[in-house]
Amino acid sequence: MPRVRTLFLSDIHLGTRACQAERLLDFLREYAADELYLIGDIVDFWAMKRGIHWNAAQNTVVQKVLRRARHGERVVFIPGNHDEALRDYVDSAFGDIQVVEEAVHTMRDGRRFLLIHGDAFDQVTRHHRWVARLGDVSYNLLVRANRWVSWLRRKLGLAGYWSLAGYAKRRVKKALSFIFDFEENAVRHAASRGLDGIVCGHIHCAVIKDIDGLAYINCGDWVDSCTAIVEHLDGRLELVEWHTPASVLPLHKARERIAA
């Protein structure tokens, strides 16, 4: 098991049928870390109000995270909007897991990054809550439909993973505009705090990129894209996409480190 400096995960959405807990478990078995940051929407209380789907794999995810914390790995939980009820417990701890509203993480090269879920940069979530919930339901329908698409692609012998939800995001101009606005708002906020970048989640669009000289990093999700951010011992930052057991498929051809 390779040891890394830090793991960043967000948008796992435990408690839903769409949560890909088996793949997350496979990923966690491959990576030991000094620190693990859970950056929001780890448990989906919104969806669980409509109906709870909690299988053995999801239970094992919770047990594995707790076990890692007990064995000395620093685990920090930053609640998101889907698990916002846990914001009432900020600055407390569950077992050995710290719950905080946000965090500042110092990378190996000395750069300081803000860690926050990101719903604060989403004007829809902040000011039009019913629209956000409607969008959540629609996204879940796309993810469910993607299962049938994946099954059909396998039957037709088409190789590789293809995401219906991801395709919709790339094709709909309003979705692209929303993503760009979100990214700019996030980076602007980090800059206002005198920080070098931001690591967040919320919009389920995994990426490592530079915006106006600052690092914008989004962890993605474990519903559709199955992605995580890894900080290696030498300080390299890698975006990992995990779709098949015991395999790592980088979204970028080279493991990339953002230039300071």
C-alpha atoms as a PDB file:
ATOM      1  CA  MET A   1       0.000   0.000   0.000  1.00  0.00           C
ATOM      2  CA  PRO A   2       1.634   3.294  -1.076  1.00  0.00           C
ATOM      3  CA  ARG A   3       1.707   5.944   1.630  1.00  0.00           C
ATOM      4  CA  VAL A   4       0.788   9.491   0.690  1.00  0.00           C
ATOM      5  CA  ARG A   5       0.833  12.740   2.602  1.00  0.00           C
ATOM      6  CA  THR A   6      -2.823  13.728   2.216  1.00  0.00           C
ATOM      7  CA  LEU A   7      -6.100  12.444   0.738  1.00  0.00           C
ATOM      8  CA  PHE A   8      -8.933  14.815  -0.155  1.00  0.00           C
ATOM      9  CA  LEU A   9     -12.406  13.340  -0.687  1.00  0.00           C
ATOM     10  CA  SER A  10     -15.800  14.951  -1.113  1.00  0.00           C
ATOM     11  CA  ASP A  11     -19.372  14.200  -2.163  1.00  0.00           C
ATOM     12  CA  ILE A  12     -19.503  10.529  -1.229  1.00  0.00           C
ATOM     13  CA  HIS A  13     -23.270  10.714  -0.577  1.00  0.00           C
ATOM     14  CA  LEU A  14     -23.553   7.807   1.819  1.00  0.00           C
ATOM     15  CA  GLY A  15     -27.161   6.771   2.340  1.00  0.00           C
ATOM     16  CA  THR A  16     -28.053   6.827  -1.357  1.00  0.00           C
ATOM     17  CA  ARG A  17     -28.326   4.098  -3.962  1.00  0.00           C
ATOM     18  CA  ALA A  18     -26.007   6.068  -6.236  1.00  0.00           C
ATOM     19  CA  CYS A  19     -23.094   6.049  -3.780  1.00  0.00           C
ATOM     20  CA  GLN A  20     -20.256   3.938  -5.200  1.00  0.00           C
ATOM     21  CA  ALA A  21     -19.014   2.697  -1.847  1.00  0.00           C
ATOM     22  CA  GLU A  22     -17.385  -0.450  -3.241  1.00  0.00           C
ATOM     23  CA  ARG A  23     -15.092   1.583  -5.462  1.00  0.00           C
ATOM     24  CA  LEU A  24     -14.297   3.969  -2.636  1.00  0.00           C
ATOM     25  CA  LEU A  25     -13.335   1.034  -0.409  1.00  0.00           C
ATOM     26  CA  ASP A  26     -11.062  -0.281  -3.128  1.00  0.00           C
ATOM     27  CA  PHE A  27      -9.443   3.155  -3.411  1.00  0.00           C
ATOM     28  CA  LEU A  28      -8.970   3.478   0.363  1.00  0.00           C
ATOM     29  CA  ARG A  29      -7.311   0.053   0.509  1.00  0.00           C
ATOM     30  CA  GLU A  30      -4.700   1.284  -1.948  1.00  0.00           C
ATOM     31  CA  TYR A  31      -3.752   4.479  -0.135  1.00  0.00           C
ATOM     32  CA  ALA A  32      -2.515   4.989   3.411  1.00  0.00           C
ATOM     33  CA  ALA A  33      -2.183   8.650   4.344  1.00  0.00           C
ATOM     34  CA  ASP A  34      -0.950  10.943   7.074  1.00  0.00           C
ATOM     35  CA  GLU A  35      -4.099  13.056   6.758  1.00  0.00           C
ATOM     36  CA  LEU A  36      -7.579  12.483   5.325  1.00  0.00           C
ATOM     37  CA  TYR A  37      -9.883  15.411   4.633  1.00  0.00           C
ATOM     38  CA  LEU A  38     -13.591  14.707   4.063  1.00  0.00           C
ATOM     39  CA  ILE A  39     -14.791  17.860   2.333  1.00  0.00           C
ATOM     40  CA  GLY A  40     -18.559  17.753   2.590  1.00  0.00           C
ATOM     41  CA  ASP A  41     -21.622  15.816   1.436  1.00  0.00           C
ATOM     42  CA  ILE A  42     -20.169  12.668   2.915  1.00  0.00           C
ATOM     43  CA  VAL A  43     -23.612  11.622   4.183  1.00  0.00           C
ATOM     44  CA  ASP A  44     -26.637  12.675   2.122  1.00  0.00           C
ATOM     45  CA  PHE A  45     -29.321  13.694   4.596  1.00  0.00           C
ATOM     46  CA  TRP A  46     -31.306  15.391   1.792  1.00  0.00           C
ATOM     47  CA  ALA A  47     -31.739  12.109  -0.074  1.00  0.00           C
ATOM     48  CA  MET A  48     -32.266  10.104   3.093  1.00  0.00           C
ATOM     49  CA  LYS A  49     -35.403  12.153   3.812  1.00  0.00           C
ATOM     50  CA  ARG A  50     -36.859  10.637   0.626  1.00  0.00           C
ATOM     51  CA  GLY A  51     -35.626   7.131   1.414  1.00  0.00           C
ATOM     52  CA  ILE A  52     -32.555   5.534   2.954  1.00  0.00           C
ATOM     53  CA  HIS A  53     -30.330   3.132   1.050  1.00  0.00           C
ATOM     54  CA  TRP A  54     -27.516   1.996   3.341  1.00  0.00           C
ATOM     55  CA  ASN A  55     -25.775  -1.197   2.290  1.00  0.00           C
ATOM     56  CA  ALA A  56     -22.923  -3.198   3.799  1.00  0.00           C
ATOM     57  CA  ALA A  57     -20.278  -1.450   1.694  1.00  0.00           C
ATOM     58  CA  GLN A  58     -21.377   1.971   2.923  1.00  0.00           C
ATOM     59  CA  ASN A  59     -21.238   0.732   6.488  1.00  0.00           C
ATOM     60  CA  THR A  60     -17.722  -0.559   5.841  1.00  0.00           C
ATOM     61  CA  VAL A  61     -16.665   2.863   4.513  1.00  0.00           C
ATOM     62  CA  VAL A  62     -17.632   4.433   7.839  1.00  0.00           C
ATOM     63  CA  GLN A  63     -15.863   1.686   9.800  1.00  0.00           C
ATOM     64  CA  LYS A  64     -12.722   2.000   7.691  1.00  0.00           C
ATOM     65  CA  VAL A  65     -12.528   5.774   8.164  1.00  0.00           C
ATOM     66  CA  LEU A  66     -13.028   5.405  11.924  1.00  0.00           C
ATOM     67  CA  ARG A  67     -10.355   2.703  12.027  1.00  0.00           C
ATOM     68  CA  ARG A  68      -7.879   4.906  10.167  1.00  0.00           C
ATOM     69  CA  ALA A  69      -8.498   7.706  12.666  1.00  0.00           C
ATOM     70  CA  ARG A  70      -7.984   5.354  15.607  1.00  0.00           C
ATOM     71  CA  HIS A  71      -4.703   4.159  14.136  1.00  0.00           C
ATOM     72  CA  GLY A  72      -3.197   7.632  14.019  1.00  0.00           C
ATOM     73  CA  GLU A  73      -4.302   9.065  10.684  1.00  0.00           C
ATOM     74  CA  ARG A  74      -5.578  12.622  11.123  1.00  0.00           C
ATOM     75  CA  VAL A  75      -9.155  12.697   9.824  1.00  0.00           C
ATOM     76  CA  VAL A  76     -10.957  16.027   9.396  1.00  0.00           C
ATOM     77  CA  PHE A  77     -14.638  16.310   8.441  1.00  0.00           C
ATOM     78  CA  ILE A  78     -15.876  19.530   6.810  1.00  0.00           C
ATOM     79  CA  PRO A  79     -19.691  19.328   6.419  1.00  0.00           C
ATOM     80  CA  GLY A  80     -21.391  20.313   3.163  1.00  0.00           C
ATOM     81  CA  ASN A  81     -24.948  21.297   2.338  1.00  0.00           C
ATOM     82  CA  HIS A  82     -26.241  17.709   2.130  1.00  0.00           C
ATOM     83  CA  ASP A  83     -24.873  16.950   5.601  1.00  0.00           C
ATOM     84  CA  GLU A  84     -25.298  20.493   6.936  1.00  0.00           C
ATOM     85  CA  ALA A  85     -26.939  19.145  10.120  1.00  0.00           C
ATOM     86  CA  LEU A  86     -23.406  18.276  11.230  1.00  0.00           C
ATOM     87  CA  ARG A  87     -22.466  21.960  11.110  1.00  0.00           C
ATOM     88  CA  ASP A  88     -24.134  22.163  14.532  1.00  0.00           C
ATOM     89  CA  TYR A  89     -21.223  20.048  15.793  1.00  0.00           C
ATOM     90  CA  VAL A  90     -18.385  22.160  14.361  1.00  0.00           C
ATOM     91  CA  ASP A  91     -15.315  22.269  16.623  1.00  0.00           C
ATOM     92  CA  SER A  92     -16.250  18.991  18.252  1.00  0.00           C
ATOM     93  CA  ALA A  93     -15.161  15.432  17.498  1.00  0.00           C
ATOM     94  CA  PHE A  94     -16.767  12.088  16.749  1.00  0.00           C
ATOM     95  CA  GLY A  95     -14.359   9.543  18.099  1.00  0.00           C
ATOM     96  CA  ASP A  96     -11.038  10.639  16.643  1.00  0.00           C
ATOM     97  CA  ILE A  97     -12.582  12.590  13.744  1.00  0.00           C
ATOM     98  CA  GLN A  98     -12.492  16.387  13.984  1.00  0.00           C
ATOM     99  CA  VAL A  99     -15.494  18.353  12.660  1.00  0.00           C
ATOM    100  CA  VAL A 100     -14.655  21.853  11.413  1.00  0.00           C
ATOM    101  CA  GLU A 101     -16.384  24.446   9.251  1.00  0.00           C
ATOM    102  CA  GLU A 102     -13.283  24.882   7.097  1.00  0.00           C
ATOM    103  CA  ALA A 103      -9.564  24.250   7.288  1.00  0.00           C
ATOM    104  CA  VAL A 104      -6.292  25.643   5.960  1.00  0.00           C
ATOM    105  CA  HIS A 105      -3.888  22.952   4.782  1.00  0.00           C
ATOM    106  CA  THR A 106      -0.197  23.640   4.210  1.00  0.00           C
ATOM    107  CA  MET A 107       1.152  21.681   1.263  1.00  0.00           C
ATOM    108  CA  ARG A 108       4.610  20.134   1.279  1.00  0.00           C
ATOM    109  CA  ASP A 109       5.974  23.079  -0.729  1.00  0.00           C
ATOM    110  CA  GLY A 110       4.637  25.595   1.800  1.00  0.00           C
ATOM    111  CA  ARG A 111       1.572  26.799  -0.111  1.00  0.00           C
ATOM    112  CA  ARG A 112      -1.528  27.272   2.018  1.00  0.00           C
ATOM    113  CA  PHE A 113      -4.882  26.086   0.647  1.00  0.00           C
ATOM    114  CA  LEU A 114      -8.379  26.735   1.950  1.00  0.00           C
ATOM    115  CA  LEU A 115     -10.427  23.560   2.391  1.00  0.00           C
ATOM    116  CA  ILE A 116     -14.178  24.135   2.246  1.00  0.00           C
ATOM    117  CA  HIS A 117     -17.116  22.268   0.720  1.00  0.00           C
ATOM    118  CA  GLY A 118     -18.089  25.080  -1.635  1.00  0.00           C
ATOM    119  CA  ASP A 119     -21.856  25.519  -1.329  1.00  0.00           C
ATOM    120  CA  ALA A 120     -21.144  29.077  -0.127  1.00  0.00           C
ATOM    121  CA  PHE A 121     -20.039  29.877  -3.710  1.00  0.00           C
ATOM    122  CA  ASP A 122     -23.230  28.445  -5.233  1.00  0.00           C
ATOM    123  CA  GLN A 123     -25.835  31.197  -5.542  1.00  0.00           C
ATOM    124  CA  VAL A 124     -28.591  28.674  -6.286  1.00  0.00           C
ATOM    125  CA  THR A 125     -27.966  26.696  -3.109  1.00  0.00           C
ATOM    126  CA  ARG A 126     -27.667  29.864  -1.030  1.00  0.00           C
ATOM    127  CA  HIS A 127     -30.683  31.793  -2.308  1.00  0.00           C
ATOM    128  CA  HIS A 128     -32.976  29.336  -4.126  1.00  0.00           C
ATOM    129  CA  ARG A 129     -32.998  26.230  -1.980  1.00  0.00           C
ATOM    130  CA  TRP A 130     -35.989  24.598  -3.687  1.00  0.00           C
ATOM    131  CA  VAL A 131     -34.239  24.903  -7.070  1.00  0.00           C
ATOM    132  CA  ALA A 132     -31.157  23.269  -5.576  1.00  0.00           C
ATOM    133  CA  ARG A 133     -33.243  20.361  -4.292  1.00  0.00           C
ATOM    134  CA  LEU A 134     -34.941  19.979  -7.678  1.00  0.00           C
ATOM    135  CA  GLY A 135     -31.538  19.930  -9.333  1.00  0.00           C
ATOM    136  CA  ASP A 136     -30.379  17.314  -6.852  1.00  0.00           C
ATOM    137  CA  VAL A 137     -33.299  15.036  -7.775  1.00  0.00           C
ATOM    138  CA  SER A 138     -32.632  15.567 -11.502  1.00  0.00           C
ATOM    139  CA  TYR A 139     -28.939  14.759 -11.096  1.00  0.00           C
ATOM    140  CA  ASN A 140     -29.778  11.560  -9.213  1.00  0.00           C
ATOM    141  CA  LEU A 141     -32.072  10.525 -12.069  1.00  0.00           C
ATOM    142  CA  LEU A 142     -29.211  11.039 -14.543  1.00  0.00           C
ATOM    143  CA  VAL A 143     -26.890   8.948 -12.372  1.00  0.00           C
ATOM    144  CA  ARG A 144     -29.466   6.131 -12.204  1.00  0.00           C
ATOM    145  CA  ALA A 145     -29.969   6.293 -15.967  1.00  0.00           C
ATOM    146  CA  ASN A 146     -26.209   6.038 -16.373  1.00  0.00           C
ATOM    147  CA  ARG A 147     -26.313   2.534 -14.859  1.00  0.00           C
ATOM    148  CA  TRP A 148     -28.485   1.360 -17.734  1.00  0.00           C
ATOM    149  CA  VAL A 149     -26.260   3.170 -20.228  1.00  0.00           C
ATOM    150  CA  SER A 150     -23.189   1.442 -18.753  1.00  0.00           C
ATOM    151  CA  TRP A 151     -24.925  -1.943 -18.917  1.00  0.00           C
ATOM    152  CA  LEU A 152     -25.851  -1.361 -22.573  1.00  0.00           C
ATOM    153  CA  ARG A 153     -22.309  -0.246 -23.440  1.00  0.00           C
ATOM    154  CA  ARG A 154     -20.912  -3.444 -21.912  1.00  0.00           C
ATOM    155  CA  LYS A 155     -23.378  -5.538 -23.921  1.00  0.00           C
ATOM    156  CA  LEU A 156     -22.328  -3.733 -27.088  1.00  0.00           C
ATOM    157  CA  GLY A 157     -18.669  -4.297 -26.280  1.00  0.00           C
ATOM    158  CA  LEU A 158     -17.846  -0.610 -25.914  1.00  0.00           C
ATOM    159  CA  ALA A 159     -14.778  -0.142 -23.755  1.00  0.00           C
ATOM    160  CA  GLY A 160     -14.169   2.541 -21.178  1.00  0.00           C
ATOM    161  CA  TYR A 161     -16.329   4.437 -18.727  1.00  0.00           C
ATOM    162  CA  TRP A 162     -18.790   7.014 -20.056  1.00  0.00           C
ATOM    163  CA  SER A 163     -20.816   9.330 -17.841  1.00  0.00           C
ATOM    164  CA  LEU A 164     -24.269  10.519 -18.870  1.00  0.00           C
ATOM    165  CA  ALA A 165     -24.296  13.092 -16.071  1.00  0.00           C
ATOM    166  CA  GLY A 166     -20.846  14.321 -17.081  1.00  0.00           C
ATOM    167  CA  TYR A 167     -21.916  14.547 -20.723  1.00  0.00           C
ATOM    168  CA  ALA A 168     -24.916  16.675 -19.734  1.00  0.00           C
ATOM    169  CA  LYS A 169     -22.671  19.038 -17.774  1.00  0.00           C
ATOM    170  CA  ARG A 170     -20.302  19.450 -20.711  1.00  0.00           C
ATOM    171  CA  ARG A 171     -23.082  20.058 -23.258  1.00  0.00           C
ATOM    172  CA  VAL A 172     -25.435  22.387 -21.425  1.00  0.00           C
ATOM    173  CA  LYS A 173     -24.188  25.969 -21.716  1.00  0.00           C
ATOM    174  CA  LYS A 174     -25.887  27.073 -18.508  1.00  0.00           C
ATOM    175  CA  ALA A 175     -24.174  24.253 -16.633  1.00  0.00           C
ATOM    176  CA  LEU A 176     -20.784  25.318 -17.993  1.00  0.00           C
ATOM    177  CA  SER A 177     -21.465  28.937 -17.067  1.00  0.00           C
ATOM    178  CA  PHE A 178     -22.429  27.859 -13.543  1.00  0.00           C
ATOM    179  CA  ILE A 179     -19.212  25.847 -13.186  1.00  0.00           C
ATOM    180  CA  PHE A 180     -17.019  28.722 -14.384  1.00  0.00           C
ATOM    181  CA  ASP A 181     -18.753  31.189 -12.036  1.00  0.00           C
ATOM    182  CA  PHE A 182     -18.350  28.755  -9.142  1.00  0.00           C
ATOM    183  CA  GLU A 183     -14.642  28.288  -9.811  1.00  0.00           C
ATOM    184  CA  GLU A 184     -13.997  32.026 -10.075  1.00  0.00           C
ATOM    185  CA  ASN A 185     -15.936  32.762  -6.875  1.00  0.00           C
ATOM    186  CA  ALA A 186     -14.011  30.048  -5.024  1.00  0.00           C
ATOM    187  CA  VAL A 187     -10.605  31.304  -6.147  1.00  0.00           C
ATOM    188  CA  ARG A 188     -11.540  34.924  -5.441  1.00  0.00           C
ATOM    189  CA  HIS A 189     -12.479  33.953  -1.892  1.00  0.00           C
ATOM    190  CA  ALA A 190      -9.170  32.154  -1.352  1.00  0.00           C
ATOM    191  CA  ALA A 191      -7.294  35.168  -2.682  1.00  0.00           C
ATOM    192  CA  SER A 192      -9.174  37.476  -0.296  1.00  0.00           C
ATOM    193  CA  ARG A 193      -7.902  35.325   2.581  1.00  0.00           C
ATOM    194  CA  GLY A 194      -4.306  35.664   1.399  1.00  0.00           C
ATOM    195  CA  LEU A 195      -4.096  31.962   0.509  1.00  0.00           C
ATOM    196  CA  ASP A 196      -2.505  30.209  -2.455  1.00  0.00           C
ATOM    197  CA  GLY A 197      -5.490  28.145  -3.556  1.00  0.00           C
ATOM    198  CA  ILE A 198      -8.576  26.213  -2.628  1.00  0.00           C
ATOM    199  CA  VAL A 199      -9.650  22.569  -2.398  1.00  0.00           C
ATOM    200  CA  CYS A 200     -13.417  22.046  -2.518  1.00  0.00           C
ATOM    201  CA  GLY A 201     -16.209  19.819  -3.803  1.00  0.00           C
ATOM    202  CA  HIS A 202     -19.950  20.447  -4.209  1.00  0.00           C
ATOM    203  CA  ILE A 203     -20.289  20.652  -8.001  1.00  0.00           C
ATOM    204  CA  HIS A 204     -19.055  17.093  -8.779  1.00  0.00           C
ATOM    205  CA  CYS A 205     -16.558  18.341 -11.382  1.00  0.00           C
ATOM    206  CA  ALA A 206     -13.070  17.072 -10.515  1.00  0.00           C
ATOM    207  CA  VAL A 207     -10.188  19.215 -11.715  1.00  0.00           C
ATOM    208  CA  ILE A 208      -6.776  20.618 -10.892  1.00  0.00           C
ATOM    209  CA  LYS A 209      -6.199  23.951 -12.589  1.00  0.00           C
ATOM    210  CA  ASP A 210      -4.624  27.372 -12.278  1.00  0.00           C
ATOM    211  CA  ILE A 211      -6.887  30.431 -12.260  1.00  0.00           C
ATOM    212  CA  ASP A 212      -5.167  33.819 -12.232  1.00  0.00           C
ATOM    213  CA  GLY A 213      -2.122  32.391 -10.502  1.00  0.00           C
ATOM    214  CA  LEU A 214      -4.036  30.545  -7.802  1.00  0.00           C
ATOM    215  CA  ALA A 215      -4.742  26.826  -7.570  1.00  0.00           C
ATOM    216  CA  TYR A 216      -8.336  25.664  -7.947  1.00  0.00           C
ATOM    217  CA  ILE A 217      -8.799  22.024  -6.978  1.00  0.00           C
ATOM    218  CA  ASN A 218     -12.096  20.148  -6.924  1.00  0.00           C
ATOM    219  CA  CYS A 219     -12.295  16.613  -5.528  1.00  0.00           C
ATOM    220  CA  GLY A 220     -15.216  15.498  -7.709  1.00  0.00           C
ATOM    221  CA  ASP A 221     -17.469  12.828  -6.221  1.00  0.00           C
ATOM    222  CA  TRP A 222     -18.103   9.147  -5.473  1.00  0.00           C
ATOM    223  CA  VAL A 223     -21.478   9.016  -7.207  1.00  0.00           C
ATOM    224  CA  ASP A 224     -20.547   9.476 -10.834  1.00  0.00           C
ATOM    225  CA  SER A 225     -16.885  10.285 -11.458  1.00  0.00           C
ATOM    226  CA  CYS A 226     -15.265   8.404  -8.516  1.00  0.00           C
ATOM    227  CA  THR A 227     -12.407  10.852  -8.067  1.00  0.00           C
ATOM    228  CA  ALA A 228     -10.039  11.969  -5.328  1.00  0.00           C
ATOM    229  CA  ILE A 229      -7.139  14.354  -4.871  1.00  0.00           C
ATOM    230  CA  VAL A 230      -3.868  12.902  -3.589  1.00  0.00           C
ATOM    231  CA  GLU A 231      -0.918  14.846  -2.221  1.00  0.00           C
ATOM    232  CA  HIS A 232       2.119  12.588  -2.494  1.00  0.00           C
ATOM    233  CA  LEU A 233       5.016  12.589  -0.045  1.00  0.00           C
ATOM    234  CA  ASP A 234       7.114  14.664  -2.457  1.00  0.00           C
ATOM    235  CA  GLY A 235       4.355  17.292  -2.722  1.00  0.00           C
ATOM    236  CA  ARG A 236       2.961  16.295  -6.114  1.00  0.00           C
ATOM    237  CA  LEU A 237      -0.787  16.733  -6.441  1.00  0.00           C
ATOM    238  CA  GLU A 238      -2.636  14.083  -8.419  1.00  0.00           C
ATOM    239  CA  LEU A 239      -6.243  13.821  -9.479  1.00  0.00           C
ATOM    240  CA  VAL A 240      -7.167  10.138  -9.476  1.00  0.00           C
ATOM    241  CA  GLU A 241     -10.204   8.670 -11.237  1.00  0.00           C
ATOM    242  CA  TRP A 242     -11.106   5.213  -9.917  1.00  0.00           C
ATOM    243  CA  HIS A 243     -13.488   3.149 -11.994  1.00  0.00           C
ATOM    244  CA  THR A 244     -12.282  -0.433 -11.896  1.00  0.00           C
ATOM    245  CA  PRO A 245     -10.951  -2.428  -8.936  1.00  0.00           C
ATOM    246  CA  ALA A 246      -7.203  -2.265  -8.359  1.00  0.00           C
ATOM    247  CA  SER A 247      -6.620   0.263 -11.141  1.00  0.00           C
ATOM    248  CA  VAL A 248      -5.884   3.950 -11.146  1.00  0.00           C
ATOM    249  CA  LEU A 249      -6.806   5.963 -14.212  1.00  0.00           C
ATOM    250  CA  PRO A 250      -5.284   9.464 -14.082  1.00  0.00           C
ATOM    251  CA  LEU A 251      -7.434  12.179 -15.614  1.00  0.00           C
ATOM    252  CA  HIS A 252      -4.217  13.794 -16.786  1.00  0.00           C
ATOM    253  CA  LYS A 253      -1.624  11.793 -18.690  1.00  0.00           C
ATOM    254  CA  ALA A 254       1.056  12.878 -16.268  1.00  0.00           C
ATOM    255  CA  ARG A 255       0.740  13.098 -12.527  1.00  0.00           C
ATOM    256  CA  GLU A 256       0.805  16.808 -12.178  1.00  0.00           C
ATOM    257  CA  ARG A 257       2.037  19.177  -9.623  1.00  0.00           C
ATOM    258  CA  ILE A 258       0.691  22.711  -9.796  1.00  0.00           C
ATOM    259  CA  ALA A 259       3.410  25.261 -10.312  1.00  0.00           C
ATOM    260  CA  ALA A 260       3.875  27.560  -7.346  1.00  0.00           C
END
